[in-house]
N, C-alpha and C. Protein backbone atom coordinates (compact mmCIF):
# COMPACT_ATOMS: atom_id res chain seq x y z
N MET A 1 34.70 6.53 -61.76
CA MET A 1 34.99 4.58 -61.68
C MET A 1 34.89 3.48 -62.10
N ASP A 2 35.74 2.65 -61.34
CA ASP A 2 36.22 1.64 -63.32
C ASP A 2 34.97 1.02 -63.76
N ARG A 3 35.30 0.54 -65.32
CA ARG A 3 34.20 0.00 -65.29
C ARG A 3 34.53 -1.91 -65.28
N ALA A 4 33.19 -2.61 -65.01
CA ALA A 4 33.33 -3.44 -64.80
C ALA A 4 32.88 -5.03 -65.69
N PRO A 5 33.67 -5.47 -65.69
CA PRO A 5 32.50 -6.02 -66.52
C PRO A 5 31.39 -6.38 -66.50
N GLU A 6 30.65 -7.27 -67.56
CA GLU A 6 28.95 -8.29 -67.38
C GLU A 6 29.36 -8.70 -66.87
N ALA A 7 28.28 -8.52 -65.15
CA ALA A 7 28.03 -9.33 -63.61
C ALA A 7 27.41 -10.89 -64.55
N ALA A 8 26.69 -11.18 -65.43
CA ALA A 8 26.52 -12.84 -65.19
C ALA A 8 27.11 -13.17 -65.93
N SER A 9 28.89 -12.78 -66.50
CA SER A 9 29.94 -13.37 -67.08
C SER A 9 30.24 -14.64 -65.95
N PRO A 10 30.68 -13.76 -65.06
CA PRO A 10 31.15 -15.65 -64.52
C PRO A 10 30.37 -16.10 -64.45
N SER A 11 30.93 -18.20 -64.59
CA SER A 11 29.74 -18.80 -64.39
C SER A 11 28.87 -19.25 -63.46
N TRP A 12 29.08 -18.80 -63.00
CA TRP A 12 28.72 -18.94 -61.45
C TRP A 12 27.74 -18.24 -61.20
N GLY A 13 27.84 -16.88 -61.83
CA GLY A 13 26.23 -15.71 -61.26
C GLY A 13 25.28 -16.04 -61.70
N TYR A 14 24.97 -16.31 -62.95
CA TYR A 14 24.02 -16.70 -63.16
C TYR A 14 22.70 -17.85 -62.46
N ASN A 15 23.20 -18.27 -62.62
CA ASN A 15 22.86 -19.94 -62.17
C ASN A 15 22.70 -19.96 -60.50
N LEU A 16 23.61 -19.19 -59.46
CA LEU A 16 22.76 -18.92 -58.76
C LEU A 16 22.07 -17.72 -58.29
N ARG A 17 22.24 -16.37 -59.07
CA ARG A 17 20.70 -15.58 -58.72
C ARG A 17 19.66 -16.25 -59.18
N ARG A 18 19.31 -16.93 -60.35
CA ARG A 18 18.21 -17.63 -60.52
C ARG A 18 17.83 -18.16 -59.34
N ASN A 19 19.21 -19.49 -59.28
CA ASN A 19 18.39 -20.73 -58.68
C ASN A 19 17.67 -20.53 -56.99
N LEU A 20 18.50 -19.19 -56.97
CA LEU A 20 18.36 -18.26 -55.49
C LEU A 20 16.84 -17.87 -54.80
N GLY A 21 16.34 -17.21 -56.10
CA GLY A 21 15.18 -16.98 -56.73
C GLY A 21 15.00 -15.14 -55.61
N GLY A 22 15.90 -14.53 -55.20
CA GLY A 22 16.41 -13.19 -54.95
C GLY A 22 16.66 -13.02 -53.37
N SER A 23 17.37 -14.41 -52.03
CA SER A 23 17.37 -14.21 -51.65
C SER A 23 18.39 -15.23 -50.30
N PHE A 24 19.04 -15.70 -49.47
CA PHE A 24 19.72 -16.54 -48.82
C PHE A 24 20.07 -16.00 -47.46
N THR A 25 20.96 -17.37 -46.94
CA THR A 25 21.33 -17.04 -46.00
C THR A 25 22.84 -17.42 -45.26
N ALA A 26 23.22 -16.38 -44.21
CA ALA A 26 24.70 -16.94 -44.23
C ALA A 26 25.13 -16.99 -42.32
N ARG A 27 25.64 -17.97 -42.39
CA ARG A 27 25.28 -18.28 -40.97
C ARG A 27 27.16 -18.72 -40.14
N ALA A 28 27.56 -18.08 -40.02
CA ALA A 28 29.11 -18.74 -39.45
C ALA A 28 29.27 -19.76 -38.62
N ARG A 29 30.30 -19.93 -39.31
CA ARG A 29 31.02 -21.23 -38.77
C ARG A 29 32.02 -21.29 -38.04
N GLY A 30 32.35 -22.01 -37.04
CA GLY A 30 33.17 -21.57 -35.91
C GLY A 30 33.03 -20.46 -35.14
N PHE A 31 33.65 -20.00 -34.31
CA PHE A 31 33.79 -19.21 -33.05
C PHE A 31 34.19 -17.15 -33.29
N LEU A 32 34.65 -17.65 -33.73
CA LEU A 32 35.11 -16.35 -34.81
C LEU A 32 34.63 -15.66 -35.86
N ALA A 33 33.84 -16.29 -36.70
CA ALA A 33 32.46 -16.25 -37.87
C ALA A 33 33.97 -15.73 -38.17
N THR A 34 34.69 -16.26 -39.29
CA THR A 34 35.64 -15.91 -40.41
C THR A 34 35.45 -16.63 -41.39
N GLU A 35 34.26 -17.87 -41.15
CA GLU A 35 33.79 -18.68 -41.95
C GLU A 35 32.28 -18.65 -42.09
N PHE A 36 31.44 -18.39 -43.63
CA PHE A 36 30.39 -18.53 -43.36
C PHE A 36 30.06 -19.36 -44.43
N ALA A 37 28.94 -20.55 -44.41
CA ALA A 37 28.34 -20.81 -44.91
C ALA A 37 26.99 -20.55 -45.52
N LEU A 38 26.92 -20.38 -46.63
CA LEU A 38 25.66 -19.52 -47.50
C LEU A 38 25.26 -20.62 -48.19
N LEU A 39 23.00 -19.96 -47.74
CA LEU A 39 22.50 -21.77 -47.80
C LEU A 39 21.51 -20.63 -48.55
N SER A 40 20.79 -21.71 -49.63
CA SER A 40 19.73 -20.98 -50.29
C SER A 40 17.99 -21.40 -49.06
N THR A 41 16.89 -20.29 -50.13
CA THR A 41 16.00 -20.31 -48.36
C THR A 41 15.58 -21.53 -48.31
N ASN A 42 15.87 -23.17 -49.56
CA ASN A 42 15.45 -24.65 -49.01
C ASN A 42 16.32 -25.25 -47.62
N GLY A 43 17.47 -23.58 -47.33
CA GLY A 43 18.76 -24.87 -46.50
C GLY A 43 19.80 -25.18 -46.95
N GLU A 44 19.65 -25.45 -48.34
CA GLU A 44 21.15 -25.80 -48.97
C GLU A 44 22.19 -25.18 -49.02
N GLU A 45 23.18 -25.32 -48.67
CA GLU A 45 24.62 -24.71 -48.49
C GLU A 45 24.63 -24.65 -50.14
N PHE A 46 25.04 -23.91 -50.75
CA PHE A 46 25.85 -23.79 -52.10
C PHE A 46 27.16 -23.01 -52.25
N GLY A 47 27.53 -22.55 -50.85
CA GLY A 47 28.32 -21.37 -50.93
C GLY A 47 29.62 -21.23 -49.44
N ARG A 48 30.84 -20.96 -50.06
CA ARG A 48 31.04 -20.84 -48.34
C ARG A 48 31.98 -19.08 -48.64
N LEU A 49 32.02 -18.44 -47.85
CA LEU A 49 32.43 -17.08 -48.06
C LEU A 49 33.45 -16.91 -46.30
N ARG A 50 34.85 -17.15 -47.20
CA ARG A 50 36.00 -17.04 -46.19
C ARG A 50 36.87 -16.10 -45.86
N LEU A 51 36.75 -15.41 -44.67
CA LEU A 51 37.51 -13.63 -44.78
C LEU A 51 38.31 -14.19 -43.98
N ARG A 52 39.71 -13.13 -44.72
CA ARG A 52 39.99 -13.34 -44.62
C ARG A 52 40.65 -11.63 -43.28
N GLY A 53 40.69 -11.32 -42.80
CA GLY A 53 41.00 -9.98 -41.52
C GLY A 53 39.78 -9.01 -42.98
N THR A 54 40.35 -8.05 -42.69
CA THR A 54 39.06 -6.35 -42.87
C THR A 54 40.01 -5.95 -44.98
N SER A 55 41.09 -7.36 -45.32
CA SER A 55 41.73 -7.00 -46.57
C SER A 55 41.16 -7.87 -47.77
N SER A 56 40.85 -8.94 -47.37
CA SER A 56 40.29 -10.08 -49.18
C SER A 56 39.44 -11.20 -48.12
N ALA A 57 38.79 -11.38 -49.23
CA ALA A 57 38.69 -12.94 -48.68
C ALA A 57 37.82 -13.79 -49.95
N GLN A 58 37.16 -15.05 -49.65
CA GLN A 58 37.23 -15.65 -51.33
C GLN A 58 35.49 -16.55 -50.72
N PHE A 59 34.92 -16.50 -51.60
CA PHE A 59 33.51 -17.26 -52.32
C PHE A 59 33.66 -18.01 -52.86
N GLU A 60 33.80 -19.56 -52.27
CA GLU A 60 33.49 -20.41 -53.64
C GLU A 60 32.68 -21.01 -53.37
N SER A 61 31.86 -21.35 -54.10
CA SER A 61 30.96 -21.76 -55.13
C SER A 61 30.94 -23.62 -55.75
N GLY A 62 30.61 -24.49 -56.00
CA GLY A 62 31.22 -25.39 -56.35
C GLY A 62 32.34 -25.38 -56.90
N SER A 63 33.49 -25.41 -58.25
CA SER A 63 34.47 -25.06 -58.01
C SER A 63 34.86 -23.98 -58.93
N HIS A 64 34.39 -23.28 -58.33
CA HIS A 64 34.91 -21.37 -58.69
C HIS A 64 34.74 -20.85 -57.90
N ALA A 65 35.63 -19.90 -57.27
CA ALA A 65 36.33 -18.77 -56.49
C ALA A 65 36.00 -17.91 -56.93
N THR A 66 35.51 -16.73 -55.64
CA THR A 66 35.48 -15.33 -56.13
C THR A 66 36.50 -14.16 -54.84
N GLY A 67 37.31 -13.94 -55.90
CA GLY A 67 38.23 -12.95 -55.01
C GLY A 67 37.96 -11.60 -54.19
N PHE A 68 37.64 -11.79 -53.02
CA PHE A 68 37.75 -10.21 -52.58
C PHE A 68 39.02 -9.56 -52.13
N GLY A 69 39.10 -8.00 -52.69
CA GLY A 69 40.52 -7.69 -52.01
C GLY A 69 40.49 -5.81 -52.14
N VAL A 70 40.75 -5.26 -51.03
CA VAL A 70 40.92 -3.95 -50.59
C VAL A 70 42.32 -3.14 -51.12
N SER A 71 42.82 -2.51 -51.51
CA SER A 71 43.78 -1.62 -51.68
C SER A 71 43.35 0.00 -51.92
N LYS A 72 44.31 0.82 -50.66
CA LYS A 72 43.72 2.25 -50.97
C LYS A 72 42.75 2.77 -51.51
N LYS A 73 41.97 2.00 -50.64
CA LYS A 73 39.71 1.84 -50.07
C LYS A 73 39.55 2.18 -51.14
N ARG A 74 39.53 1.48 -52.37
CA ARG A 74 39.20 0.33 -52.78
C ARG A 74 39.13 -1.01 -52.88
N TYR A 75 37.65 -1.31 -53.61
CA TYR A 75 37.31 -2.84 -53.02
C TYR A 75 37.27 -3.36 -54.39
N ARG A 76 37.45 -4.57 -54.57
CA ARG A 76 37.47 -5.51 -55.84
C ARG A 76 36.95 -6.78 -55.21
N MET A 77 36.17 -6.73 -56.53
CA MET A 77 35.71 -8.74 -56.42
C MET A 77 35.72 -9.44 -57.85
N VAL A 78 36.78 -10.04 -57.59
CA VAL A 78 36.92 -11.00 -58.96
C VAL A 78 36.69 -12.02 -59.20
N ALA A 79 35.78 -12.59 -59.85
CA ALA A 79 35.58 -14.22 -60.54
C ALA A 79 35.76 -14.62 -61.83
N ASP A 80 36.60 -15.52 -61.65
CA ASP A 80 37.18 -16.56 -62.68
C ASP A 80 37.40 -15.01 -63.53
N GLY A 81 39.26 -14.59 -63.07
CA GLY A 81 39.94 -14.25 -64.11
C GLY A 81 38.98 -12.21 -63.83
N GLU A 82 38.05 -12.50 -63.89
CA GLU A 82 37.26 -11.65 -64.61
C GLU A 82 36.55 -10.41 -63.47
N GLN A 83 36.92 -9.18 -63.38
CA GLN A 83 35.89 -8.02 -62.53
C GLN A 83 34.92 -7.22 -62.82
N VAL A 84 34.29 -7.90 -61.20
CA VAL A 84 32.85 -8.15 -61.15
C VAL A 84 32.43 -6.68 -60.90
N LEU A 85 32.63 -6.05 -59.77
CA LEU A 85 32.06 -4.96 -58.99
C LEU A 85 34.00 -4.18 -58.14
N VAL A 86 33.78 -3.02 -58.11
CA VAL A 86 34.88 -2.46 -57.81
C VAL A 86 34.05 -1.43 -56.87
N ALA A 87 34.27 -1.09 -55.62
CA ALA A 87 34.17 -0.78 -54.92
C ALA A 87 34.78 0.92 -53.98
N GLY A 88 33.97 1.87 -53.64
CA GLY A 88 34.45 2.66 -52.82
C GLY A 88 33.85 3.66 -52.54
N PRO A 89 34.56 4.99 -51.01
CA PRO A 89 33.73 5.67 -50.32
C PRO A 89 33.12 6.42 -50.88
N LYS A 90 31.94 6.83 -51.26
CA LYS A 90 31.24 8.18 -51.79
C LYS A 90 31.61 9.59 -50.96
N GLY A 91 32.62 10.01 -51.78
CA GLY A 91 33.05 11.37 -50.99
C GLY A 91 33.95 10.94 -49.68
N ARG A 92 33.40 11.81 -48.49
CA ARG A 92 34.27 11.24 -47.35
C ARG A 92 33.81 10.53 -46.51
N SER A 93 32.72 9.94 -46.82
CA SER A 93 31.69 8.87 -46.20
C SER A 93 32.00 7.92 -46.36
N ILE A 94 32.36 7.19 -44.44
CA ILE A 94 32.66 6.10 -44.08
C ILE A 94 31.33 5.21 -44.17
N ASP A 95 30.10 5.40 -44.51
CA ASP A 95 29.36 4.49 -44.46
C ASP A 95 27.84 4.44 -45.76
N VAL A 96 28.64 5.06 -47.11
CA VAL A 96 27.66 5.29 -47.88
C VAL A 96 29.17 5.04 -49.35
N LEU A 97 28.75 3.46 -49.42
CA LEU A 97 29.90 3.00 -50.61
C LEU A 97 29.07 3.46 -52.26
N GLU A 98 29.82 3.38 -52.65
CA GLU A 98 29.88 3.67 -54.48
C GLU A 98 30.30 2.59 -55.55
N ILE A 99 29.54 1.58 -56.02
CA ILE A 99 29.58 0.36 -56.61
C ILE A 99 29.33 0.19 -58.60
N SER A 100 30.58 0.51 -58.24
CA SER A 100 30.15 -0.13 -59.85
C SER A 100 30.05 -1.60 -60.81
N CYS A 101 29.14 -1.87 -60.88
CA CYS A 101 29.19 -2.89 -61.90
C CYS A 101 28.27 -3.12 -62.83
N ASP A 102 28.85 -3.68 -64.50
CA ASP A 102 28.19 -3.88 -65.65
C ASP A 102 28.00 -2.15 -65.97
N GLY A 103 28.70 -1.37 -65.80
CA GLY A 103 28.57 0.27 -66.48
C GLY A 103 28.23 0.33 -65.73
N ARG A 104 27.10 -0.01 -64.82
CA ARG A 104 26.30 1.07 -64.35
C ARG A 104 26.91 1.31 -62.97
N THR A 105 26.06 2.25 -61.92
CA THR A 105 26.85 2.84 -60.38
C THR A 105 26.06 2.76 -59.58
N TYR A 106 26.05 2.04 -58.67
CA TYR A 106 25.08 1.39 -56.80
C TYR A 106 25.51 2.28 -56.39
N GLU A 107 24.45 2.63 -54.64
CA GLU A 107 25.17 3.64 -53.82
C GLU A 107 24.34 2.46 -52.76
N ALA A 108 25.09 1.85 -51.23
CA ALA A 108 24.88 1.38 -50.42
C ALA A 108 25.57 2.33 -49.98
N GLY A 109 24.53 1.97 -48.58
CA GLY A 109 24.43 2.88 -47.16
C GLY A 109 24.35 1.50 -46.40
N VAL A 110 25.25 1.74 -45.65
CA VAL A 110 26.42 0.20 -45.08
C VAL A 110 25.76 0.89 -43.17
N GLY A 111 25.17 0.49 -42.24
CA GLY A 111 25.23 0.45 -40.73
C GLY A 111 25.66 -0.58 -40.05
N LEU A 112 27.20 0.22 -40.04
CA LEU A 112 28.09 -1.39 -39.51
C LEU A 112 27.50 -1.80 -37.76
N PHE A 113 27.36 -0.87 -36.86
CA PHE A 113 26.31 -0.88 -35.80
C PHE A 113 25.48 -1.72 -35.66
N ARG A 114 25.23 -1.40 -36.42
CA ARG A 114 23.40 -1.95 -36.66
C ARG A 114 23.48 -3.18 -37.67
N ASN A 115 24.31 -3.76 -38.45
CA ASN A 115 25.37 -4.97 -38.87
C ASN A 115 23.85 -5.10 -39.68
N ARG A 116 23.93 -4.07 -40.88
CA ARG A 116 22.92 -4.02 -42.41
C ARG A 116 23.15 -3.06 -43.04
N ALA A 117 23.29 -3.42 -44.51
CA ALA A 117 23.38 -2.45 -45.44
C ALA A 117 22.28 -2.49 -46.43
N ILE A 118 21.94 -1.83 -47.80
CA ILE A 118 20.85 -1.73 -48.00
C ILE A 118 21.63 -0.78 -49.76
N ALA A 119 21.81 -1.47 -50.80
CA ALA A 119 21.89 -1.05 -52.12
C ALA A 119 20.83 -1.08 -52.68
N HIS A 120 21.56 0.42 -53.41
CA HIS A 120 19.97 1.05 -54.45
C HIS A 120 20.91 0.96 -56.07
N GLY A 121 20.02 0.98 -57.12
CA GLY A 121 20.37 0.75 -57.99
C GLY A 121 20.71 1.85 -58.98
N PRO A 122 20.39 3.01 -59.72
CA PRO A 122 21.32 3.56 -61.10
C PRO A 122 19.81 4.02 -60.14
N GLY A 123 18.62 4.16 -60.84
CA GLY A 123 17.18 4.55 -60.75
C GLY A 123 16.77 4.80 -59.30
N GLY A 124 17.60 4.52 -58.18
CA GLY A 124 16.63 4.84 -57.09
C GLY A 124 16.03 3.63 -56.75
N GLU A 125 15.83 1.84 -56.84
CA GLU A 125 15.43 1.36 -56.35
C GLU A 125 16.37 0.23 -55.85
N ARG A 126 15.75 -0.13 -54.72
CA ARG A 126 16.39 -0.91 -53.58
C ARG A 126 17.21 -2.56 -54.72
N VAL A 127 18.32 -3.04 -54.76
CA VAL A 127 18.77 -3.95 -55.69
C VAL A 127 19.02 -5.30 -54.43
N ALA A 128 19.94 -4.49 -53.14
CA ALA A 128 20.32 -5.63 -52.10
C ALA A 128 19.75 -5.36 -50.77
N ARG A 129 19.13 -6.32 -49.83
CA ARG A 129 19.29 -5.87 -48.46
C ARG A 129 20.09 -6.83 -47.67
N LEU A 130 20.83 -6.32 -46.55
CA LEU A 130 21.36 -7.05 -45.47
C LEU A 130 21.05 -6.53 -44.23
N SER A 131 20.52 -7.85 -43.31
CA SER A 131 20.52 -8.19 -42.54
C SER A 131 21.06 -8.60 -40.91
N GLY A 132 22.21 -8.24 -40.38
CA GLY A 132 22.51 -9.30 -39.44
C GLY A 132 21.89 -9.31 -37.92
N GLY A 133 22.21 -10.53 -36.83
CA GLY A 133 21.89 -10.59 -36.06
C GLY A 133 22.55 -10.04 -35.02
N LEU A 134 22.42 -9.70 -33.73
CA LEU A 134 22.87 -8.91 -33.00
C LEU A 134 24.50 -9.46 -32.94
N MET A 135 24.66 -10.60 -32.61
CA MET A 135 26.41 -11.48 -32.93
C MET A 135 27.00 -10.86 -33.97
N GLY A 136 26.29 -11.11 -35.39
CA GLY A 136 27.10 -11.23 -36.51
C GLY A 136 27.13 -12.23 -37.06
N ARG A 137 27.06 -13.46 -36.68
CA ARG A 137 26.43 -14.69 -37.03
C ARG A 137 26.00 -15.64 -37.90
N ARG A 138 24.47 -13.98 -38.44
CA ARG A 138 24.11 -15.26 -39.04
C ARG A 138 23.16 -13.55 -40.18
N TYR A 139 23.56 -13.63 -41.32
CA TYR A 139 22.59 -12.46 -41.91
C TYR A 139 21.97 -12.75 -43.00
N GLU A 140 20.88 -12.30 -43.43
CA GLU A 140 19.74 -12.73 -44.13
C GLU A 140 20.15 -12.04 -45.86
N ALA A 141 20.36 -11.98 -46.78
CA ALA A 141 20.19 -11.61 -47.78
C ALA A 141 18.66 -11.62 -48.45
N LEU A 142 19.05 -9.80 -48.95
CA LEU A 142 17.48 -10.20 -50.17
C LEU A 142 17.94 -9.28 -51.07
N PHE A 143 17.63 -9.13 -52.82
CA PHE A 143 18.63 -8.67 -54.02
C PHE A 143 17.21 -8.97 -54.78
N ALA A 144 17.32 -8.58 -55.58
CA ALA A 144 16.81 -7.74 -56.69
C ALA A 144 17.34 -9.07 -58.37
N ALA A 145 16.52 -10.04 -57.94
CA ALA A 145 17.73 -11.34 -58.96
C ALA A 145 17.19 -11.03 -60.44
N GLU A 146 16.67 -9.93 -60.77
CA GLU A 146 16.27 -10.14 -62.28
C GLU A 146 18.00 -8.83 -62.80
N ASP A 147 18.52 -8.29 -61.45
CA ASP A 147 19.84 -7.38 -61.49
C ASP A 147 20.61 -8.30 -61.54
N GLY A 148 21.37 -8.32 -63.13
CA GLY A 148 22.63 -8.49 -62.48
C GLY A 148 23.94 -8.96 -61.93
N CYS A 149 23.31 -7.59 -61.16
CA CYS A 149 24.19 -7.43 -60.37
C CYS A 149 24.08 -7.26 -58.93
N ALA A 150 22.65 -7.57 -58.75
CA ALA A 150 22.08 -8.15 -57.64
C ALA A 150 22.86 -8.93 -56.41
N PHE A 151 23.40 -9.59 -57.00
CA PHE A 151 23.61 -11.23 -56.17
C PHE A 151 25.04 -10.59 -55.69
N PRO A 152 26.05 -10.64 -57.04
CA PRO A 152 26.97 -10.31 -56.92
C PRO A 152 27.90 -8.80 -55.39
N ILE A 153 26.89 -7.72 -55.10
CA ILE A 153 26.52 -6.89 -54.58
C ILE A 153 26.11 -6.78 -53.08
N ALA A 154 25.69 -7.83 -53.13
CA ALA A 154 25.42 -9.16 -51.82
C ALA A 154 26.17 -9.78 -51.17
N VAL A 155 27.65 -10.79 -51.56
CA VAL A 155 27.29 -10.97 -51.43
C VAL A 155 29.13 -10.48 -50.75
N PHE A 156 29.10 -9.22 -51.86
CA PHE A 156 30.31 -8.21 -51.11
C PHE A 156 29.29 -7.38 -50.04
N LEU A 157 28.69 -7.30 -49.46
CA LEU A 157 27.92 -6.52 -49.07
C LEU A 157 28.69 -7.35 -47.81
N LEU A 158 27.87 -8.47 -47.85
CA LEU A 158 28.42 -9.68 -46.73
C LEU A 158 29.59 -9.61 -46.28
N TRP A 159 30.66 -9.49 -47.23
CA TRP A 159 32.07 -9.68 -46.96
C TRP A 159 32.86 -8.63 -46.18
N HIS A 160 32.05 -6.92 -46.59
CA HIS A 160 31.80 -5.90 -46.00
C HIS A 160 32.03 -5.46 -44.95
N VAL A 161 30.99 -6.09 -44.12
CA VAL A 161 29.66 -5.86 -43.55
C VAL A 161 30.67 -6.44 -42.08
N ALA A 162 30.78 -8.32 -42.22
CA ALA A 162 31.13 -8.96 -41.46
C ALA A 162 32.61 -8.50 -41.01
N ALA A 163 32.89 -8.33 -42.16
CA ALA A 163 35.04 -8.23 -41.64
C ALA A 163 35.17 -7.27 -40.90
N ASN A 164 34.61 -5.90 -41.26
CA ASN A 164 34.64 -4.82 -41.15
C ASN A 164 34.17 -4.17 -39.03
N ARG A 165 32.87 -4.76 -39.70
CA ARG A 165 31.69 -4.93 -38.13
C ARG A 165 32.97 -5.04 -36.64
N ARG A 166 33.34 -5.95 -36.46
CA ARG A 166 34.57 -6.53 -35.62
C ARG A 166 35.79 -4.92 -35.22
N ARG A 167 35.93 -4.05 -36.19
CA ARG A 167 37.14 -3.46 -36.64
C ARG A 167 35.93 -1.77 -35.88
N ALA A 168 35.39 -1.33 -36.26
CA ALA A 168 33.93 -0.62 -36.12
C ALA A 168 34.90 -0.40 -34.11
N TYR A 169 33.98 -1.57 -34.19
CA TYR A 169 33.90 -1.66 -32.24
C TYR A 169 34.78 -2.03 -31.29
N ARG A 170 36.05 -2.21 -31.82
CA ARG A 170 37.78 -2.69 -31.19
C ARG A 170 37.80 -0.23 -31.72
N ALA A 171 37.85 -0.13 -32.39
CA ALA A 171 37.90 1.39 -32.74
C ALA A 171 37.42 2.59 -31.84
N GLY A 172 35.89 1.82 -31.46
CA GLY A 172 35.30 3.06 -31.07
C GLY A 172 34.34 3.78 -31.47
N ASN A 173 34.98 4.48 -32.24
CA ASN A 173 33.39 5.31 -33.54
C ASN A 173 32.34 4.81 -33.11
N LEU A 174 31.67 5.50 -32.68
CA LEU A 174 30.04 5.45 -32.83
C LEU A 174 29.40 5.95 -33.64
N PRO A 175 27.82 5.81 -34.09
CA PRO A 175 27.38 6.31 -34.59
C PRO A 175 26.92 7.83 -34.59
N ARG A 176 26.86 8.64 -35.64
CA ARG A 176 26.50 9.81 -35.75
C ARG A 176 24.76 10.02 -35.81
């Protein structure tokens, strides 16, 4: 897996992680749920996630933008010109991702039909949890604020689940 630079290096990373206290809510804006407003626990909007299909997205917070993209089954998150994380399927599994961030490897189990994802750190501890409503218009994210990669992983999982959920239903794949 590719080595990513320190996750807290983009200027938005540390402040948001600290200010959010380990959780945020994402609410869809518009009927098609292609844009989400990200809200702190007190309901203040701190950013927006704009989905551009299953292949790219952009997270904006203040004057900073973070891009998401996919090529050859590898997902990348880039902030301020720096690669924050790289993710891809673990082995042949479509519901387990291996995520590399800040030189560490994380593992995330993704349930598109259940609208949720849980990421664990190198020591097995849970670092991020995303759960969404039945219609995929609202998500709750919890993350370990002390882990510099947990917030970027939570935002990445939001993009991954929201973007791929519709595709999974259209394809008619049923969970095993």
